[in-house]
Amino acid sequence: MKLLLFSLLATVAPAKGQIYADFTVSQGTTSLGTFRARLDPDKAPRTCANFIGLATGQRPWIKVITGQIMENRPYFDGLKFHRLIHNFVIQGGSPNGLGTDGPGYVIQDEYHGTLRHSGRYMLSMAKGSLPCTGGSQFFITLEAAAFLDDKHSVFGEVIDGKAIIDNFTNPALFPTSSEKPLTPITMDSVVISGPDLAAFDLQSPALMLPSVSGTSLTPSRNSAASTFTVTFNRGFQTEHLLSTSLNLESWTFSQRVRSRDAASGFAFTFPGVTSQRFFVSSARVDYGLLPNPAANLLPAGKQFALSDRSGNTLTLVSNGAGSGTWNHSNGGSGSLTSLAITDSTGTTGFVVESASNAHFFPLTRIVAGFNAPAGPGNWTAINVLASFHAPSSGWVEGSAQISGGPGATSVLQAFTITP
């Protein structure tokens, strides 16, 4: 699925300071020069740590096709800006140049009230249509794009070499076809510097970034059944990427095993293996630092406080039987016609998938209906995804339906659970 523009946050210890990213770029064989972005590690520490780690090679990443773990290899150097919309954004960070891949893992979204898509030059993360699906792809705004606020993680701003960014708005200078530059625009290098770079802890557990490592595999073969089995230890909240080869030169990505709990001796079998030579490579991505939502989120008396951008708070109180009551911070209360809160992954077992769904680990879906329009916002129903950034709080992505007909919505932003 092609990565589009969408994104959410966690509150972690800030890392104040001046850190810069210098992008040296070219168009075909012609150098365009260098532009500088100021990063905001004090307001977007997780996103900045991931970007800096990839740019410098301090964060391992995965060549998904081969399962090869790349260590001490700067990620962005040589990658192309694969997407250019002259009155919107320029986007890069995809190794295959198609906008369909990343570093082999995803990170949680991260929002700050003062980091907005307020105009040209803003540096922000790209992602898929669901929360927490960004990894390496980023974009630079070419115009204001307020509708991306609290959907994409802003983490910096271009402060020097702005003429390069200005020129990207000119179709005559940078023609495109289907949003792809006709002449490749390449990041020849991305260099990180600044007086406070050394003090910024890229490995802090508070950032809740995933870790990448190899998987120890024990192989076995059943020639009569034409199967090949690898046995390994699954980890808690991990993804194991499996790639195969017949000659150790040409590799094919096969499957991901998304593990929700730790289990030793897990066996994964490849059917239809008739070749005398068969090889398997595996990389492991550990998401164990992410908060794990409770298995039962709807006992009687549980309260979910949902806030919108204006600071209005609607509190849902479960009765333990699929409904309950609501009350609004600006006045008003009533009953719920329905209330369902579903953990996106559960707490045990595993799932075999072709694409990464690790973003489900911290997500729950909240669906509720109201007996009457709730509060000054006149909310009538909600169907949103809540991303846990702490055991009982996080960010909401989605909208509340409001009275006024189809399509009338109020944007939600955060949630807190008590007791």
Protein backbone atom coordinates (compact mmCIF):
# COMPACT_ATOMS: atom_id res chain seq x y z
CA MET A 1 0.00 0.00 0.00
CA LYS A 2 1.47 3.29 -1.07
CA LEU A 3 2.42 5.48 1.83
CA LEU A 4 0.31 8.61 1.90
CA LEU A 5 0.34 11.61 4.15
CA PHE A 6 -1.32 11.14 7.45
CA SER A 7 -0.12 10.87 11.34
CA LEU A 8 -0.08 11.25 16.32
CA LEU A 9 2.60 11.72 20.05
CA ALA A 10 4.03 10.68 23.35
CA THR A 11 5.14 12.84 26.22
CA VAL A 12 8.77 12.05 26.91
CA ALA A 13 11.66 13.83 28.53
CA PRO A 14 12.56 16.75 26.25
CA ALA A 15 16.00 17.11 24.74
CA LYS A 16 16.48 20.83 24.29
CA GLY A 17 19.13 22.12 21.96
CA GLN A 18 20.21 23.07 18.48
CA ILE A 19 20.42 20.21 15.99
CA TYR A 20 20.43 20.61 12.22
CA ALA A 21 20.02 18.42 9.14
CA ASP A 22 21.85 19.54 5.99
CA PHE A 23 20.39 18.07 2.78
CA THR A 24 22.69 18.16 -0.25
CA VAL A 25 20.51 17.51 -3.30
CA SER A 26 20.82 17.16 -7.06
CA GLN A 27 18.56 16.94 -10.09
CA GLY A 28 19.92 14.33 -12.43
CA THR A 29 23.63 15.18 -12.72
CA THR A 30 23.12 18.84 -11.72
CA SER A 31 23.82 19.89 -8.13
CA LEU A 32 21.07 21.97 -6.55
CA GLY A 33 23.10 22.83 -3.46
CA THR A 34 22.35 22.32 0.22
CA PHE A 35 19.42 23.35 2.38
CA ARG A 36 19.37 23.22 6.18
CA ALA A 37 16.53 22.15 8.45
CA ARG A 38 16.41 22.95 12.15
CA LEU A 39 15.17 19.90 14.03
CA ASP A 40 12.95 20.14 17.12
CA PRO A 41 14.11 17.40 19.52
CA ASP A 42 12.67 19.26 22.50
CA LYS A 43 9.13 19.06 21.05
CA ALA A 44 9.34 15.92 18.89
CA PRO A 45 12.08 13.83 20.54
CA ARG A 46 10.94 10.43 19.25
CA THR A 47 10.60 11.53 15.64
CA CYS A 48 13.89 13.43 15.70
CA ALA A 49 15.75 10.53 17.32
CA ASN A 50 14.50 8.15 14.64
CA PHE A 51 15.38 10.55 11.81
CA ILE A 52 18.83 11.35 13.22
CA GLY A 53 19.53 7.68 13.88
CA LEU A 54 18.66 6.73 10.30
CA ALA A 55 20.53 9.67 8.78
CA THR A 56 23.73 8.94 10.72
CA GLY A 57 23.49 5.16 10.58
CA GLN A 58 23.24 4.90 14.36
CA ARG A 59 19.84 3.19 14.06
CA PRO A 60 19.91 -0.24 12.39
CA TRP A 61 17.37 -0.69 9.61
CA ILE A 62 16.24 -3.60 7.48
CA LYS A 63 16.46 -4.32 3.78
CA VAL A 64 13.06 -5.95 3.78
CA ILE A 65 13.52 -8.00 0.60
CA THR A 66 16.61 -9.77 1.91
CA GLY A 67 16.03 -9.47 5.64
CA GLN A 68 19.53 -7.98 5.90
CA ILE A 69 20.11 -5.72 8.91
CA MET A 70 22.00 -2.58 7.93
CA GLU A 71 24.21 -1.23 10.70
CA ASN A 72 26.31 1.95 10.58
CA ARG A 73 24.86 2.69 7.13
CA PRO A 74 23.34 6.16 6.62
CA TYR A 75 19.82 5.54 5.38
CA PHE A 76 18.91 8.61 3.35
CA ASP A 77 22.10 9.10 1.33
CA GLY A 78 21.31 8.42 -2.33
CA LEU A 79 17.55 8.15 -1.90
CA LYS A 80 15.26 10.11 -4.21
CA PHE A 81 12.40 12.48 -3.58
CA HIS A 82 9.84 10.19 -5.19
CA ARG A 83 6.83 12.50 -4.85
CA LEU A 84 6.40 16.15 -5.78
CA ILE A 85 3.15 18.10 -5.79
CA HIS A 86 4.16 21.65 -6.64
CA ASN A 87 1.50 23.36 -4.50
CA PHE A 88 1.63 20.85 -1.65
CA VAL A 89 4.73 18.80 -0.68
CA ILE A 90 7.95 17.14 -1.78
CA GLN A 91 8.37 13.68 -0.22
CA GLY A 92 11.26 11.22 0.16
CA GLY A 93 12.67 8.44 2.32
CA SER A 94 11.57 5.40 0.28
CA PRO A 95 14.45 3.06 -0.70
CA ASN A 96 12.61 1.61 -3.69
CA GLY A 97 11.69 5.09 -4.92
CA LEU A 98 8.02 4.18 -5.17
CA GLY A 99 6.80 5.34 -1.78
CA THR A 100 5.83 1.80 -0.79
CA ASP A 101 8.59 0.89 1.67
CA GLY A 102 10.62 2.07 4.63
CA PRO A 103 13.20 0.94 7.19
CA GLY A 104 11.40 -2.31 8.07
CA TYR A 105 9.71 -0.90 11.16
CA VAL A 106 7.21 1.78 12.17
CA ILE A 107 7.18 4.36 14.98
CA GLN A 108 4.47 6.04 17.00
CA ASP A 109 3.21 9.43 15.89
CA GLU A 110 4.17 12.50 17.89
CA TYR A 111 2.33 15.84 18.06
CA HIS A 112 3.08 19.14 19.72
CA GLY A 113 0.69 22.08 19.87
CA THR A 114 3.25 24.55 18.49
CA LEU A 115 4.44 22.36 15.61
CA ARG A 116 1.98 23.01 12.81
CA HIS A 117 1.93 22.69 9.01
CA SER A 118 1.63 26.47 9.03
CA GLY A 119 3.31 27.28 5.74
CA ARG A 120 6.14 26.40 3.39
CA TYR A 121 9.36 24.72 4.72
CA MET A 122 7.85 22.50 7.47
CA LEU A 123 9.51 19.08 7.87
CA SER A 124 7.02 16.35 8.75
CA MET A 125 6.56 12.57 8.70
CA ALA A 126 4.60 10.72 6.03
CA LYS A 127 2.59 7.63 6.92
CA GLY A 128 -0.24 5.36 5.83
CA SER A 129 -3.93 5.88 6.42
CA LEU A 130 -3.80 4.54 10.00
CA PRO A 131 -2.01 5.90 13.09
CA CYS A 132 1.59 4.95 13.85
CA THR A 133 2.49 3.75 10.34
CA GLY A 134 5.41 6.11 9.61
CA GLY A 135 9.02 4.96 9.62
CA SER A 136 11.38 6.85 7.33
CA GLN A 137 9.37 8.71 4.72
CA PHE A 138 9.08 12.46 5.30
CA PHE A 139 7.88 15.49 3.43
CA ILE A 140 8.54 19.22 3.26
CA THR A 141 5.53 21.45 2.84
CA LEU A 142 5.41 23.80 -0.13
CA GLU A 143 2.28 25.57 1.13
CA ALA A 144 0.35 25.71 4.39
CA ALA A 145 -1.52 22.47 5.08
CA ALA A 146 -3.43 22.83 8.35
CA PHE A 147 -5.51 19.74 7.60
CA LEU A 148 -2.36 17.64 8.27
CA ASP A 149 -2.02 18.94 11.84
CA ASP A 150 -2.25 16.16 14.43
CA LYS A 151 -2.24 13.60 11.63
CA HIS A 152 1.43 13.97 10.70
CA SER A 153 4.36 14.53 13.04
CA VAL A 154 6.07 17.87 12.39
CA PHE A 155 9.68 17.66 13.62
CA GLY A 156 11.57 20.53 12.00
CA GLU A 157 11.68 23.44 9.57
CA VAL A 158 13.91 24.47 6.68
CA ILE A 159 15.76 27.62 7.78
CA ASP A 160 18.50 28.03 5.17
CA GLY A 161 18.73 27.35 1.45
CA LYS A 162 15.04 28.12 1.13
CA ALA A 163 15.43 29.04 -2.54
CA ILE A 164 15.86 25.34 -3.29
CA ILE A 165 12.52 24.59 -1.66
CA ASP A 166 10.92 27.57 -3.41
CA ASN A 167 12.03 26.21 -6.79
CA PHE A 168 10.29 22.90 -6.13
CA THR A 169 7.00 24.78 -6.57
CA ASN A 170 7.87 25.53 -10.22
CA PRO A 171 6.59 22.87 -12.67
CA ALA A 172 8.81 24.27 -15.43
CA LEU A 173 11.95 23.63 -13.38
CA PHE A 174 10.82 20.30 -11.89
CA PRO A 175 8.28 18.66 -14.21
CA THR A 176 6.44 15.60 -12.94
CA SER A 177 4.28 12.75 -14.17
CA SER A 178 1.78 11.21 -11.74
CA GLU A 179 3.50 13.18 -8.93
CA LYS A 180 6.90 11.64 -9.76
CA PRO A 181 9.74 13.96 -10.86
CA LEU A 182 10.65 13.28 -14.50
CA THR A 183 14.30 13.96 -13.70
CA PRO A 184 15.30 12.30 -10.40
CA ILE A 185 15.80 14.61 -7.42
CA THR A 186 18.32 12.89 -5.16
CA MET A 187 19.43 13.36 -1.58
CA ASP A 188 23.15 12.99 -2.14
CA SER A 189 23.70 13.24 1.61
CA VAL A 190 21.90 14.15 4.82
CA VAL A 191 24.36 15.36 7.46
CA ILE A 192 23.35 15.92 11.08
CA SER A 193 25.20 18.50 13.20
CA GLY A 194 24.72 21.01 15.98
CA PRO A 195 26.14 21.96 19.36
CA ASP A 196 23.64 19.79 21.25
CA LEU A 197 23.67 16.68 19.08
CA ALA A 198 26.06 14.78 21.36
CA ALA A 199 23.80 15.31 24.39
CA PHE A 200 20.68 14.00 22.66
CA ASP A 201 20.16 10.37 23.74
CA LEU A 202 18.90 8.56 20.64
CA GLN A 203 18.56 5.30 22.58
CA SER A 204 16.48 6.53 25.53
CA PRO A 205 13.78 3.95 26.44
CA ALA A 206 11.43 6.88 27.05
CA LEU A 207 11.26 7.37 23.28
CA MET A 208 9.66 3.91 22.92
CA LEU A 209 11.38 3.32 19.59
CA PRO A 210 11.56 -0.27 18.30
CA SER A 211 14.84 -2.15 18.22
CA VAL A 212 16.13 -4.25 15.32
CA SER A 213 18.12 -7.47 15.63
CA GLY A 214 18.58 -10.84 13.98
CA THR A 215 16.61 -14.00 14.72
CA SER A 216 18.35 -17.27 15.52
CA LEU A 217 16.74 -19.95 13.32
CA THR A 218 16.89 -23.75 13.62
CA PRO A 219 16.05 -25.32 10.23
CA SER A 220 14.59 -28.71 9.40
CA ARG A 221 13.35 -30.31 6.20
CA ASN A 222 10.71 -32.88 5.27
CA SER A 223 11.56 -33.96 1.74
CA ALA A 224 8.59 -36.32 1.48
CA ALA A 225 6.16 -33.49 2.30
CA SER A 226 8.16 -30.85 0.37
CA THR A 227 8.29 -28.57 3.42
CA PHE A 228 11.02 -26.55 5.09
CA THR A 229 10.58 -25.46 8.71
CA VAL A 230 12.41 -22.87 10.79
CA THR A 231 12.04 -22.83 14.56
CA PHE A 232 12.73 -19.71 16.61
CA ASN A 233 11.78 -17.95 19.82
CA ARG A 234 9.02 -15.40 19.33
CA GLY A 235 9.21 -12.25 21.43
CA PHE A 236 6.59 -10.16 23.22
CA GLN A 237 5.22 -7.52 20.82
CA THR A 238 7.64 -8.36 18.04
CA GLU A 239 7.58 -8.74 14.29
CA HIS A 240 9.77 -11.36 12.65
CA LEU A 241 10.47 -10.76 8.95
CA LEU A 242 11.20 -13.91 6.92
CA SER A 243 12.93 -13.85 3.51
CA THR A 244 13.93 -16.81 1.32
CA SER A 245 16.52 -17.58 -1.35
CA LEU A 246 17.56 -20.50 -3.54
CA ASN A 247 21.10 -19.28 -4.17
CA LEU A 248 22.02 -16.67 -1.49
CA GLU A 249 22.09 -14.02 -4.23
CA SER A 250 18.46 -13.40 -5.18
CA TRP A 251 16.11 -13.02 -2.22
CA THR A 252 12.32 -12.83 -1.89
CA PHE A 253 10.44 -11.40 1.06
CA SER A 254 8.06 -14.07 2.33
CA GLN A 255 6.12 -13.33 5.53
CA ARG A 256 5.94 -11.40 8.76
CA VAL A 257 5.06 -13.13 12.00
CA ARG A 258 3.47 -10.62 14.37
CA SER A 259 3.87 -12.04 17.86
CA ARG A 260 1.74 -10.74 20.72
CA ASP A 261 3.42 -12.77 23.44
CA ALA A 262 6.73 -14.50 24.07
CA ALA A 263 6.89 -18.16 23.06
CA SER A 264 9.89 -20.44 22.65
CA GLY A 265 10.21 -23.07 19.94
CA PHE A 266 7.78 -21.47 17.46
CA ALA A 267 7.78 -23.37 14.16
CA PHE A 268 7.07 -21.71 10.82
CA THR A 269 6.75 -23.99 7.79
CA PHE A 270 7.29 -23.13 4.12
CA PRO A 271 5.25 -25.46 1.89
CA GLY A 272 6.11 -26.60 -1.63
CA VAL A 273 9.89 -26.55 -1.18
CA THR A 274 11.35 -28.94 -3.77
CA SER A 275 14.71 -27.27 -4.48
CA GLN A 276 17.78 -28.91 -3.02
CA ARG A 277 19.02 -25.49 -1.91
CA PHE A 278 16.73 -23.34 0.25
CA PHE A 279 17.79 -20.52 2.57
CA VAL A 280 15.87 -18.42 5.10
CA SER A 281 16.85 -15.05 6.59
CA SER A 282 15.04 -13.39 9.46
CA ALA A 283 15.12 -9.98 11.10
CA ARG A 284 13.32 -9.17 14.33
CA VAL A 285 11.74 -5.86 15.32
CA ASP A 286 11.02 -5.50 19.03
CA TYR A 287 8.12 -3.19 19.96
CA GLY A 288 8.15 -4.25 23.61
CA LEU A 289 8.52 -0.67 24.91
CA LEU A 290 5.10 0.33 23.56
CA PRO A 291 2.24 0.45 26.09
CA ASN A 292 0.07 -2.65 25.92
CA PRO A 293 -3.66 -1.86 26.31
CA ALA A 294 -5.48 -3.80 29.00
CA ALA A 295 -7.38 -6.88 27.86
CA ASN A 296 -10.65 -5.66 29.40
CA LEU A 297 -11.25 -1.98 28.78
CA LEU A 298 -14.97 -1.98 29.54
CA PRO A 299 -15.61 -2.94 33.17
CA ALA A 300 -18.41 -1.06 34.88
CA GLY A 301 -17.32 2.38 36.00
CA LYS A 302 -14.41 2.73 33.56
CA GLN A 303 -14.22 6.30 32.23
CA PHE A 304 -12.88 7.46 28.86
CA ALA A 305 -12.27 11.21 28.60
CA LEU A 306 -11.99 12.33 24.95
CA SER A 307 -10.76 15.83 24.12
CA ASP A 308 -10.99 17.88 20.93
CA ARG A 309 -8.69 20.64 19.67
CA SER A 310 -10.70 23.29 21.48
CA GLY A 311 -10.14 21.66 24.86
CA ASN A 312 -13.69 20.34 25.17
CA THR A 313 -13.83 16.99 26.96
CA LEU A 314 -16.50 14.34 26.59
CA THR A 315 -16.37 11.57 29.21
CA LEU A 316 -17.84 8.15 28.46
CA VAL A 317 -18.69 5.99 31.49
CA SER A 318 -19.10 2.28 30.85
CA ASN A 319 -21.85 0.26 32.53
CA GLY A 320 -20.01 -2.97 31.72
CA ALA A 321 -22.81 -4.13 29.42
CA GLY A 322 -22.13 -2.36 26.11
CA SER A 323 -23.47 1.08 26.92
CA GLY A 324 -23.36 3.63 29.75
CA THR A 325 -23.55 7.38 30.22
CA TRP A 326 -21.78 10.52 28.98
CA ASN A 327 -21.09 13.96 30.36
CA HIS A 328 -19.47 17.01 28.76
CA SER A 329 -17.02 19.46 30.30
CA ASN A 330 -19.11 22.40 29.06
CA GLY A 331 -22.34 21.01 30.43
CA GLY A 332 -24.81 18.33 29.47
CA SER A 333 -25.10 14.62 30.12
CA GLY A 334 -27.06 11.66 28.85
CA SER A 335 -26.98 7.97 28.10
CA LEU A 336 -25.05 5.96 25.56
CA THR A 337 -26.97 3.82 23.10
CA SER A 338 -23.82 1.76 22.55
CA LEU A 339 -20.18 1.59 23.68
CA ALA A 340 -17.55 -0.78 22.32
CA ILE A 341 -13.79 -0.62 22.81
CA THR A 342 -11.73 -3.20 20.95
CA ASP A 343 -8.04 -4.00 21.36
CA SER A 344 -6.52 -4.09 17.86
CA THR A 345 -4.16 -7.01 18.59
CA GLY A 346 -5.18 -8.87 21.71
CA THR A 347 -2.58 -10.03 24.20
CA THR A 348 -1.64 -13.59 23.17
CA GLY A 349 -0.86 -15.59 20.05
CA PHE A 350 0.58 -14.60 16.68
CA VAL A 351 -0.54 -13.57 13.21
CA VAL A 352 1.18 -14.41 9.91
CA GLU A 353 0.95 -11.51 7.47
CA SER A 354 2.51 -10.27 4.25
CA ALA A 355 2.69 -6.62 5.35
CA SER A 356 3.59 -4.96 8.62
CA ASN A 357 0.73 -4.39 11.04
CA ALA A 358 2.93 -3.58 14.03
CA HIS A 359 1.07 -0.27 14.34
CA PHE A 360 -1.80 -2.27 15.84
CA PHE A 361 0.16 -3.03 19.02
CA PRO A 362 -0.80 0.21 20.87
CA LEU A 363 -4.19 0.79 19.16
CA THR A 364 -7.77 0.34 20.27
CA ARG A 365 -10.97 1.29 18.48
CA ILE A 366 -13.65 3.27 20.35
CA VAL A 367 -17.21 3.21 18.97
CA ALA A 368 -20.09 4.92 20.77
CA GLY A 369 -23.54 6.28 20.07
CA PHE A 370 -25.41 8.96 22.07
CA ASN A 371 -29.08 9.20 22.92
CA ALA A 372 -28.97 12.94 22.15
CA PRO A 373 -26.36 15.37 20.70
CA ALA A 374 -23.60 15.62 23.32
CA GLY A 375 -22.23 18.92 24.53
CA PRO A 376 -21.78 22.19 22.62
CA GLY A 377 -20.20 20.22 19.77
CA ASN A 378 -23.42 18.25 19.28
CA TRP A 379 -21.64 14.92 19.03
CA THR A 380 -23.97 12.11 17.95
CA ALA A 381 -21.53 9.22 17.43
CA ILE A 382 -17.81 8.43 17.44
CA ASN A 383 -15.73 5.78 15.69
CA VAL A 384 -12.04 6.46 16.31
CA LEU A 385 -8.67 4.81 16.89
CA ALA A 386 -6.93 5.53 20.18
CA SER A 387 -3.15 5.14 20.28
CA PHE A 388 -1.72 4.43 23.75
CA HIS A 389 1.38 6.44 24.62
CA ALA A 390 1.11 5.61 28.30
CA PRO A 391 -0.79 2.85 30.13
CA SER A 392 -3.93 4.99 30.42
CA SER A 393 -3.60 7.87 27.95
CA GLY A 394 -2.65 8.77 24.41
CA TRP A 395 -3.88 10.31 21.18
CA VAL A 396 -7.04 9.85 19.19
CA GLU A 397 -7.15 9.85 15.41
CA GLY A 398 -10.56 10.29 13.91
CA SER A 399 -13.65 12.44 14.22
CA ALA A 400 -16.91 12.61 16.12
CA GLN A 401 -20.05 12.73 14.02
CA ILE A 402 -22.03 15.85 14.88
CA SER A 403 -25.60 16.87 14.15
CA GLY A 404 -25.74 18.70 10.87
CA GLY A 405 -25.86 15.90 8.38
CA PRO A 406 -23.40 13.41 6.85
CA GLY A 407 -19.83 14.60 6.79
CA ALA A 408 -20.24 17.04 9.69
CA THR A 409 -17.47 16.19 12.14
CA SER A 410 -15.48 17.50 15.07
CA VAL A 411 -11.80 16.50 15.26
CA LEU A 412 -10.80 14.60 18.40
CA GLN A 413 -7.28 14.75 19.77
CA ALA A 414 -6.49 12.97 23.06
CA PHE A 415 -7.88 10.51 25.60
CA THR A 416 -7.42 9.56 29.26
CA ILE A 417 -8.75 6.46 31.03
CA THR A 418 -9.74 6.34 34.71
CA PRO A 419 -9.70 4.67 37.16
